[in-house]
Amino acid sequence: VWFFIFCSFLLQVVFRKRKLVGGITIIEFMMFLLCVYILGSSIIAGTIYVEGHGIVLATILSGFVIPFSIFFLAKNLVDDEQKIRRVFVFFTIIGFYLGVTGIFEHFHIRSLVFPDFIMNPNMGIHWGRARGPFLNAGTNGRVLASIFFMVFYRSEEHTSELQSH
């Protein structure tokens, strides 16, 4: 999904259907340089390949490239109130799904857990805990906490707007 969004954004910029909002800031440029430096260092040092595991791009992508690109894309794709509202609604629905799935998973209500592989003890780690579709309780918890604080922030912001009118 990230790759598709990033490529479609780049194509829109190349074909001039979208402009970079405010250009590239110094922070974005420095983040980009950090990504290039880490990727180059990994290749030169030989740590990008681990014997028996292959290329460890997942660590580089999840640790450096994806956070940088999301920071960059957020500024350039979600640029008006309507789009921000849609993003919050989307993440609220995802949070609701993860929370309800975690409850059903905890109480072993297999028929209500979707997708089925979540209840497979042979897949992923942290079997017996609410691990959601990530098959990892830690990741599930981080995503739920992030969504909770994002929705809480948005609801507080919305409440203060209503009170000022």
N, C-alpha and C. Protein backbone atom coordinates (compact mmCIF):
# COMPACT_ATOMS: atom_id res chain seq x y z
N VAL A 1 0.84 -1.18 0.00
CA VAL A 1 0.00 0.00 0.00
C VAL A 1 0.88 1.25 0.00
N TRP A 2 1.92 1.23 0.87
CA TRP A 2 2.82 2.38 0.93
C TRP A 2 3.49 2.59 -0.43
N PHE A 3 3.97 1.53 -1.05
CA PHE A 3 4.66 1.64 -2.33
C PHE A 3 3.72 2.22 -3.40
N PHE A 4 2.47 1.75 -3.42
CA PHE A 4 1.48 2.24 -4.38
C PHE A 4 1.22 3.73 -4.19
N ILE A 5 1.02 4.14 -2.94
CA ILE A 5 0.75 5.56 -2.65
C ILE A 5 1.95 6.41 -3.05
N PHE A 6 3.14 5.97 -2.68
CA PHE A 6 4.34 6.75 -2.98
C PHE A 6 4.56 6.87 -4.49
N CYS A 7 4.40 5.77 -5.22
CA CYS A 7 4.59 5.81 -6.68
C CYS A 7 3.53 6.67 -7.36
N SER A 8 2.28 6.56 -6.92
CA SER A 8 1.24 7.38 -7.54
C SER A 8 1.48 8.86 -7.27
N PHE A 9 1.97 9.19 -6.07
CA PHE A 9 2.31 10.58 -5.76
C PHE A 9 3.43 11.07 -6.67
N LEU A 10 4.48 10.26 -6.82
CA LEU A 10 5.60 10.66 -7.68
C LEU A 10 5.15 10.86 -9.13
N LEU A 11 4.29 9.99 -9.61
CA LEU A 11 3.78 10.14 -10.98
C LEU A 11 2.97 11.43 -11.12
N GLN A 12 2.19 11.78 -10.12
CA GLN A 12 1.42 13.02 -10.17
C GLN A 12 2.34 14.23 -10.20
N VAL A 13 3.43 14.17 -9.46
CA VAL A 13 4.39 15.29 -9.47
C VAL A 13 5.09 15.36 -10.82
N VAL A 14 5.52 14.22 -11.35
CA VAL A 14 6.23 14.18 -12.64
C VAL A 14 5.34 14.72 -13.75
N PHE A 15 4.07 14.33 -13.76
CA PHE A 15 3.17 14.79 -14.82
C PHE A 15 2.46 16.10 -14.47
N ARG A 16 2.95 16.75 -13.43
CA ARG A 16 2.51 18.08 -13.01
C ARG A 16 1.01 18.19 -12.69
N LYS A 17 0.45 17.09 -12.20
CA LYS A 17 -0.93 17.14 -11.73
C LYS A 17 -0.98 17.53 -10.26
N ARG A 18 0.18 17.51 -9.61
CA ARG A 18 0.27 17.87 -8.19
C ARG A 18 1.57 18.62 -7.98
N LYS A 19 1.49 19.68 -7.19
CA LYS A 19 2.68 20.45 -6.85
C LYS A 19 3.11 20.09 -5.43
N LEU A 20 4.39 20.22 -5.17
CA LEU A 20 4.89 20.02 -3.82
C LEU A 20 4.50 21.25 -3.00
N VAL A 21 3.78 21.04 -1.92
CA VAL A 21 3.32 22.14 -1.07
C VAL A 21 4.53 22.74 -0.36
N GLY A 22 4.84 23.98 -0.69
CA GLY A 22 5.96 24.64 -0.03
C GLY A 22 7.32 24.09 -0.41
N GLY A 23 7.38 23.29 -1.45
CA GLY A 23 8.67 22.72 -1.84
C GLY A 23 9.17 21.71 -0.81
N ILE A 24 10.42 21.36 -0.92
CA ILE A 24 11.03 20.42 0.01
C ILE A 24 11.70 21.24 1.11
N THR A 25 11.32 20.98 2.36
CA THR A 25 11.89 21.73 3.49
C THR A 25 13.26 21.17 3.84
N ILE A 26 13.99 21.91 4.65
CA ILE A 26 15.32 21.47 5.08
C ILE A 26 15.23 20.18 5.90
N ILE A 27 14.16 20.06 6.71
CA ILE A 27 13.98 18.84 7.51
C ILE A 27 13.78 17.64 6.60
N GLU A 28 12.95 17.78 5.57
CA GLU A 28 12.73 16.67 4.64
C GLU A 28 14.00 16.33 3.88
N PHE A 29 14.75 17.34 3.49
CA PHE A 29 16.00 17.09 2.79
C PHE A 29 16.98 16.35 3.69
N MET A 30 17.08 16.74 4.95
CA MET A 30 17.99 16.07 5.88
C MET A 30 17.52 14.63 6.17
N MET A 31 16.22 14.43 6.27
CA MET A 31 15.70 13.07 6.46
C MET A 31 16.03 12.21 5.25
N PHE A 32 15.89 12.78 4.07
CA PHE A 32 16.23 12.05 2.85
C PHE A 32 17.71 11.69 2.83
N LEU A 33 18.57 12.64 3.19
CA LEU A 33 20.01 12.36 3.25
C LEU A 33 20.32 11.26 4.26
N LEU A 34 19.63 11.27 5.40
CA LEU A 34 19.82 10.22 6.39
C LEU A 34 19.44 8.86 5.81
N CYS A 35 18.33 8.79 5.09
CA CYS A 35 17.91 7.53 4.46
C CYS A 35 18.96 7.03 3.47
N VAL A 36 19.44 7.94 2.63
CA VAL A 36 20.45 7.57 1.63
C VAL A 36 21.73 7.11 2.33
N TYR A 37 22.14 7.84 3.37
CA TYR A 37 23.35 7.49 4.12
C TYR A 37 23.24 6.10 4.74
N ILE A 38 22.11 5.81 5.39
CA ILE A 38 21.92 4.52 6.04
C ILE A 38 21.89 3.39 5.02
N LEU A 39 21.17 3.60 3.93
CA LEU A 39 21.12 2.58 2.89
C LEU A 39 22.51 2.34 2.30
N GLY A 40 23.24 3.43 1.99
CA GLY A 40 24.60 3.30 1.46
C GLY A 40 25.53 2.63 2.45
N SER A 41 25.45 3.00 3.72
CA SER A 41 26.29 2.38 4.75
C SER A 41 26.00 0.90 4.89
N SER A 42 24.73 0.54 4.82
CA SER A 42 24.35 -0.88 4.92
C SER A 42 24.91 -1.69 3.76
N ILE A 43 24.88 -1.10 2.58
CA ILE A 43 25.41 -1.80 1.40
C ILE A 43 26.93 -1.93 1.52
N ILE A 44 27.60 -0.84 1.85
CA ILE A 44 29.07 -0.85 1.93
C ILE A 44 29.56 -1.75 3.06
N ALA A 45 28.92 -1.69 4.22
CA ALA A 45 29.34 -2.50 5.37
C ALA A 45 28.93 -3.96 5.25
N GLY A 46 28.04 -4.24 4.31
CA GLY A 46 27.58 -5.61 4.13
C GLY A 46 26.51 -6.05 5.11
N THR A 47 25.94 -5.10 5.84
CA THR A 47 24.90 -5.46 6.82
C THR A 47 23.51 -5.51 6.21
N ILE A 48 23.41 -5.18 4.94
CA ILE A 48 22.11 -5.25 4.28
C ILE A 48 21.74 -6.70 3.97
N TYR A 49 22.73 -7.57 4.02
CA TYR A 49 22.49 -8.99 3.76
C TYR A 49 22.95 -9.78 4.98
N VAL A 50 22.06 -10.60 5.53
CA VAL A 50 22.38 -11.45 6.68
C VAL A 50 22.30 -12.90 6.22
N GLU A 51 23.38 -13.63 6.45
CA GLU A 51 23.44 -15.03 6.04
C GLU A 51 22.26 -15.81 6.63
N GLY A 52 21.56 -16.52 5.80
CA GLY A 52 20.42 -17.31 6.23
C GLY A 52 19.10 -16.54 6.24
N HIS A 53 19.16 -15.21 6.18
CA HIS A 53 17.94 -14.40 6.19
C HIS A 53 17.76 -13.61 4.91
N GLY A 54 18.85 -13.38 4.19
CA GLY A 54 18.77 -12.61 2.96
C GLY A 54 18.88 -11.12 3.23
N ILE A 55 18.34 -10.35 2.33
CA ILE A 55 18.40 -8.90 2.44
C ILE A 55 17.46 -8.45 3.55
N VAL A 56 17.94 -7.59 4.44
CA VAL A 56 17.14 -7.12 5.57
C VAL A 56 16.53 -5.75 5.28
N LEU A 57 15.91 -5.64 4.12
CA LEU A 57 15.29 -4.38 3.73
C LEU A 57 14.14 -4.00 4.65
N ALA A 58 13.51 -4.98 5.27
CA ALA A 58 12.37 -4.67 6.14
C ALA A 58 12.80 -3.73 7.26
N THR A 59 13.97 -3.96 7.82
CA THR A 59 14.46 -3.10 8.89
C THR A 59 14.74 -1.70 8.38
N ILE A 60 15.38 -1.61 7.24
CA ILE A 60 15.70 -0.30 6.67
C ILE A 60 14.43 0.42 6.25
N LEU A 61 13.51 -0.30 5.61
CA LEU A 61 12.26 0.33 5.19
C LEU A 61 11.44 0.80 6.38
N SER A 62 11.21 -0.09 7.35
CA SER A 62 10.35 0.27 8.47
C SER A 62 11.00 1.26 9.42
N GLY A 63 12.33 1.27 9.49
CA GLY A 63 13.01 2.17 10.41
C GLY A 63 13.31 3.54 9.86
N PHE A 64 13.51 3.64 8.53
CA PHE A 64 13.98 4.91 7.99
C PHE A 64 13.19 5.40 6.77
N VAL A 65 13.03 4.56 5.78
CA VAL A 65 12.44 5.00 4.52
C VAL A 65 10.94 5.30 4.67
N ILE A 66 10.19 4.39 5.27
CA ILE A 66 8.75 4.60 5.39
C ILE A 66 8.42 5.78 6.31
N PRO A 67 9.05 5.92 7.49
CA PRO A 67 8.74 7.12 8.30
C PRO A 67 9.04 8.42 7.56
N PHE A 68 10.17 8.49 6.86
CA PHE A 68 10.50 9.70 6.10
C PHE A 68 9.44 9.96 5.04
N SER A 69 9.09 8.93 4.27
CA SER A 69 8.15 9.14 3.16
C SER A 69 6.77 9.49 3.66
N ILE A 70 6.34 8.91 4.79
CA ILE A 70 5.03 9.25 5.34
C ILE A 70 5.02 10.70 5.81
N PHE A 71 6.10 11.13 6.45
CA PHE A 71 6.23 12.52 6.87
C PHE A 71 6.11 13.44 5.66
N PHE A 72 6.78 13.09 4.59
CA PHE A 72 6.78 13.89 3.37
C PHE A 72 5.42 13.85 2.67
N LEU A 73 4.85 12.66 2.53
CA LEU A 73 3.57 12.52 1.83
C LEU A 73 2.41 13.16 2.59
N ALA A 74 2.46 13.10 3.92
CA ALA A 74 1.36 13.67 4.70
C ALA A 74 1.19 15.15 4.40
N LYS A 75 2.30 15.83 4.28
CA LYS A 75 2.23 17.28 4.01
C LYS A 75 1.71 17.54 2.61
N ASN A 76 2.02 16.68 1.68
CA ASN A 76 1.69 16.93 0.29
C ASN A 76 0.41 16.27 -0.20
N LEU A 77 -0.12 15.29 0.51
CA LEU A 77 -1.34 14.62 0.06
C LEU A 77 -2.57 15.03 0.86
N VAL A 78 -2.41 15.22 2.15
CA VAL A 78 -3.54 15.55 3.01
C VAL A 78 -3.42 17.04 3.32
N ASP A 79 -4.00 17.85 2.43
CA ASP A 79 -3.74 19.28 2.50
C ASP A 79 -4.98 20.14 2.68
N ASP A 80 -6.11 19.54 3.01
CA ASP A 80 -7.28 20.35 3.35
C ASP A 80 -8.12 19.64 4.41
N GLU A 81 -9.03 20.37 5.01
CA GLU A 81 -9.82 19.87 6.15
C GLU A 81 -10.62 18.62 5.80
N GLN A 82 -11.18 18.56 4.60
CA GLN A 82 -11.98 17.41 4.19
C GLN A 82 -11.13 16.14 4.12
N LYS A 83 -9.93 16.25 3.57
CA LYS A 83 -9.03 15.09 3.49
C LYS A 83 -8.58 14.64 4.88
N ILE A 84 -8.31 15.60 5.75
CA ILE A 84 -7.91 15.27 7.12
C ILE A 84 -9.04 14.53 7.82
N ARG A 85 -10.25 14.99 7.64
CA ARG A 85 -11.41 14.34 8.25
C ARG A 85 -11.54 12.90 7.74
N ARG A 86 -11.35 12.68 6.45
CA ARG A 86 -11.44 11.33 5.89
C ARG A 86 -10.37 10.41 6.48
N VAL A 87 -9.16 10.93 6.64
CA VAL A 87 -8.07 10.14 7.23
C VAL A 87 -8.43 9.74 8.65
N PHE A 88 -8.95 10.68 9.43
CA PHE A 88 -9.34 10.37 10.81
C PHE A 88 -10.47 9.36 10.87
N VAL A 89 -11.45 9.47 9.99
CA VAL A 89 -12.54 8.49 9.95
C VAL A 89 -11.99 7.11 9.59
N PHE A 90 -11.11 7.05 8.61
CA PHE A 90 -10.50 5.78 8.21
C PHE A 90 -9.77 5.14 9.38
N PHE A 91 -8.93 5.92 10.08
CA PHE A 91 -8.17 5.35 11.19
C PHE A 91 -9.06 5.01 12.38
N THR A 92 -10.15 5.73 12.56
CA THR A 92 -11.10 5.39 13.62
C THR A 92 -11.73 4.03 13.32
N ILE A 93 -12.09 3.79 12.08
CA ILE A 93 -12.67 2.49 11.69
C ILE A 93 -11.63 1.38 11.89
N ILE A 94 -10.39 1.63 11.49
CA ILE A 94 -9.32 0.63 11.68
C ILE A 94 -9.14 0.35 13.17
N GLY A 95 -9.12 1.39 13.99
CA GLY A 95 -8.97 1.22 15.43
C GLY A 95 -10.12 0.42 16.03
N PHE A 96 -11.33 0.71 15.58
CA PHE A 96 -12.50 -0.04 16.06
C PHE A 96 -12.37 -1.52 15.68
N TYR A 97 -11.98 -1.78 14.43
CA TYR A 97 -11.80 -3.16 13.97
C TYR A 97 -10.74 -3.88 14.82
N LEU A 98 -9.59 -3.24 15.04
CA LEU A 98 -8.53 -3.88 15.81
C LEU A 98 -8.96 -4.12 17.26
N GLY A 99 -9.67 -3.16 17.86
CA GLY A 99 -10.13 -3.33 19.23
C GLY A 99 -11.13 -4.46 19.38
N VAL A 100 -12.11 -4.48 18.50
CA VAL A 100 -13.13 -5.52 18.56
C VAL A 100 -12.51 -6.89 18.25
N THR A 101 -11.62 -6.95 17.27
CA THR A 101 -10.95 -8.20 16.95
C THR A 101 -10.13 -8.70 18.14
N GLY A 102 -9.46 -7.77 18.82
CA GLY A 102 -8.67 -8.14 20.00
C GLY A 102 -9.55 -8.72 21.11
N ILE A 103 -10.72 -8.13 21.31
CA ILE A 103 -11.64 -8.65 22.33
C ILE A 103 -12.10 -10.06 21.96
N PHE A 104 -12.53 -10.24 20.71
CA PHE A 104 -12.97 -11.56 20.27
C PHE A 104 -11.83 -12.57 20.34
N GLU A 105 -10.66 -12.14 19.98
CA GLU A 105 -9.50 -13.03 20.02
C GLU A 105 -9.19 -13.44 21.46
N HIS A 106 -9.23 -12.48 22.37
CA HIS A 106 -8.94 -12.76 23.79
C HIS A 106 -9.90 -13.79 24.36
N PHE A 107 -11.17 -13.68 24.00
CA PHE A 107 -12.18 -14.60 24.52
C PHE A 107 -12.39 -15.82 23.63
N HIS A 108 -11.52 -16.00 22.64
CA HIS A 108 -11.53 -17.16 21.72
C HIS A 108 -12.87 -17.35 21.03
N ILE A 109 -13.46 -16.25 20.58
CA ILE A 109 -14.71 -16.32 19.80
C ILE A 109 -14.29 -16.37 18.33
N ARG A 110 -13.87 -17.56 17.92
CA ARG A 110 -13.28 -17.78 16.59
C ARG A 110 -14.17 -17.32 15.45
N SER A 111 -15.45 -17.52 15.55
CA SER A 111 -16.35 -17.21 14.43
C SER A 111 -16.42 -15.71 14.14
N LEU A 112 -16.06 -14.86 15.10
CA LEU A 112 -16.13 -13.43 14.89
C LEU A 112 -14.77 -12.78 14.62
N VAL A 113 -13.71 -13.58 14.58
CA VAL A 113 -12.37 -13.05 14.31
C VAL A 113 -12.11 -13.15 12.82
N PHE A 114 -11.81 -12.01 12.22
CA PHE A 114 -11.51 -11.97 10.78
C PHE A 114 -10.20 -11.24 10.58
N PRO A 115 -9.33 -11.74 9.76
CA PRO A 115 -9.32 -13.00 9.01
C PRO A 115 -8.98 -14.20 9.91
N ASP A 116 -9.26 -15.38 9.40
CA ASP A 116 -9.12 -16.62 10.17
C ASP A 116 -7.70 -16.89 10.64
N PHE A 117 -6.69 -16.46 9.89
CA PHE A 117 -5.31 -16.80 10.26
C PHE A 117 -4.90 -16.21 11.61
N ILE A 118 -5.62 -15.22 12.10
CA ILE A 118 -5.29 -14.63 13.41
C ILE A 118 -5.39 -15.69 14.50
N MET A 119 -6.32 -16.61 14.37
CA MET A 119 -6.53 -17.63 15.40
C MET A 119 -5.67 -18.88 15.19
N ASN A 120 -4.76 -18.84 14.23
CA ASN A 120 -3.87 -19.97 13.98
C ASN A 120 -2.65 -19.87 14.89
N PRO A 121 -2.49 -20.79 15.85
CA PRO A 121 -1.36 -20.70 16.79
C PRO A 121 -0.01 -20.96 16.13
N ASN A 122 -0.01 -21.49 14.92
CA ASN A 122 1.24 -21.78 14.21
C ASN A 122 1.75 -20.60 13.38
N MET A 123 1.00 -19.52 13.36
CA MET A 123 1.41 -18.34 12.59
C MET A 123 1.76 -17.21 13.54
N GLY A 124 2.80 -16.47 13.20
CA GLY A 124 3.18 -15.30 13.97
C GLY A 124 3.69 -15.64 15.36
N ILE A 125 3.72 -14.62 16.21
CA ILE A 125 4.19 -14.81 17.58
C ILE A 125 3.13 -14.29 18.54
N HIS A 126 3.38 -14.49 19.84
CA HIS A 126 2.50 -14.02 20.91
C HIS A 126 1.14 -14.72 20.91
N TRP A 127 1.13 -16.01 20.58
CA TRP A 127 -0.14 -16.74 20.59
C TRP A 127 -0.73 -16.66 21.99
N GLY A 128 -2.03 -16.45 22.05
CA GLY A 128 -2.73 -16.35 23.32
C GLY A 128 -2.95 -14.92 23.77
N ARG A 129 -2.35 -13.99 23.06
CA ARG A 129 -2.54 -12.57 23.35
C ARG A 129 -3.28 -11.94 22.18
N ALA A 130 -3.85 -10.78 22.37
CA ALA A 130 -4.55 -10.09 21.28
C ALA A 130 -3.49 -9.53 20.34
N ARG A 131 -3.25 -10.22 19.24
CA ARG A 131 -2.19 -9.83 18.32
C ARG A 131 -2.72 -9.30 17.00
N GLY A 132 -4.00 -9.44 16.75
CA GLY A 132 -4.63 -8.89 15.56
C GLY A 132 -4.06 -9.42 14.27
N PRO A 133 -4.34 -8.74 13.17
CA PRO A 133 -3.88 -9.21 11.86
C PRO A 133 -2.37 -9.10 11.69
N PHE A 134 -1.69 -8.42 12.63
CA PHE A 134 -0.23 -8.31 12.56
C PHE A 134 0.45 -9.57 13.08
N LEU A 135 -0.31 -10.40 13.80
CA LEU A 135 0.19 -11.61 14.44
C LEU A 135 1.31 -11.29 15.42
N ASN A 136 1.23 -10.10 16.02
CA ASN A 136 2.23 -9.64 16.97
C ASN A 136 1.52 -8.69 17.93
N ALA A 137 1.49 -9.06 19.21
CA ALA A 137 0.75 -8.26 20.20
C ALA A 137 1.36 -6.87 20.36
N GLY A 138 2.68 -6.77 20.29
CA GLY A 138 3.33 -5.47 20.44
C GLY A 138 2.95 -4.50 19.34
N THR A 139 2.97 -4.99 18.11
CA THR A 139 2.60 -4.15 16.97
C THR A 139 1.13 -3.76 17.06
N ASN A 140 0.30 -4.72 17.39
CA ASN A 140 -1.14 -4.44 17.53
C ASN A 140 -1.37 -3.36 18.58
N GLY A 141 -0.69 -3.47 19.70
CA GLY A 141 -0.83 -2.48 20.77
C GLY A 141 -0.35 -1.10 20.36
N ARG A 142 0.79 -1.04 19.65
CA ARG A 142 1.31 0.26 19.21
C ARG A 142 0.35 0.93 18.24
N VAL A 143 -0.20 0.15 17.32
CA VAL A 143 -1.13 0.72 16.35
C VAL A 143 -2.40 1.20 17.06
N LEU A 144 -2.92 0.38 17.97
CA LEU A 144 -4.12 0.79 18.71
C LEU A 144 -3.87 2.04 19.54
N ALA A 145 -2.72 2.12 20.21
CA ALA A 145 -2.41 3.29 21.02
C ALA A 145 -2.26 4.54 20.15
N SER A 146 -1.60 4.40 19.01
CA SER A 146 -1.43 5.53 18.10
C SER A 146 -2.78 6.03 17.61
N ILE A 147 -3.64 5.12 17.22
CA ILE A 147 -4.96 5.50 16.73
C ILE A 147 -5.77 6.13 17.86
N PHE A 148 -5.68 5.57 19.07
CA PHE A 148 -6.41 6.13 20.20
C PHE A 148 -6.01 7.58 20.44
N PHE A 149 -4.71 7.85 20.50
CA PHE A 149 -4.27 9.21 20.78
C PHE A 149 -4.59 10.15 19.62
N MET A 150 -4.55 9.65 18.39
CA MET A 150 -4.90 10.47 17.25
C MET A 150 -6.38 10.85 17.30
N VAL A 151 -7.24 9.88 17.58
CA VAL A 151 -8.68 10.15 17.66
C VAL A 151 -8.98 11.04 18.86
N PHE A 152 -8.31 10.81 19.99
CA PHE A 152 -8.50 11.65 21.17
C PHE A 152 -8.11 13.09 20.87
N TYR A 153 -6.97 13.29 20.22
CA TYR A 153 -6.53 14.63 19.85
C TYR A 153 -7.55 15.30 18.94
N ARG A 154 -7.99 14.57 17.95
CA ARG A 154 -8.95 15.12 16.98
C ARG A 154 -10.28 15.46 17.66
N SER A 155 -10.73 14.61 18.57
CA SER A 155 -12.00 14.88 19.24
C SER A 155 -11.87 16.09 20.16
N GLU A 156 -10.73 16.25 20.83
CA GLU A 156 -10.50 17.42 21.68
C GLU A 156 -10.45 18.69 20.83
N GLU A 157 -9.79 18.60 19.68
CA GLU A 157 -9.69 19.75 18.77
C GLU A 157 -11.08 20.13 18.27
N HIS A 158 -11.87 19.14 17.91
CA HIS A 158 -13.22 19.38 17.40
C HIS A 158 -14.11 19.97 18.51
N THR A 159 -13.97 19.46 19.73
CA THR A 159 -14.76 19.96 20.86
C THR A 159 -14.43 21.42 21.13
N SER A 160 -13.14 21.78 21.11
CA SER A 160 -12.76 23.16 21.37
C SER A 160 -13.26 24.10 20.25
N GLU A 161 -13.31 23.59 19.01
CA GLU A 161 -13.86 24.40 17.90
C GLU A 161 -15.35 24.66 18.13
N LEU A 162 -16.09 23.66 18.57
CA LEU A 162 -17.53 23.82 18.82
C LEU A 162 -17.79 24.78 19.96
N GLN A 163 -16.95 24.72 21.00
CA GLN A 163 -17.15 25.60 22.14
C GLN A 163 -16.82 27.05 21.80
N SER A 164 -15.91 27.29 20.86
CA SER A 164 -15.55 28.66 20.49
C SER A 164 -16.61 29.32 19.62
N HIS A 165 -17.50 28.52 19.01
CA HIS A 165 -18.55 29.10 18.15
C HIS A 165 -19.74 29.33 18.94
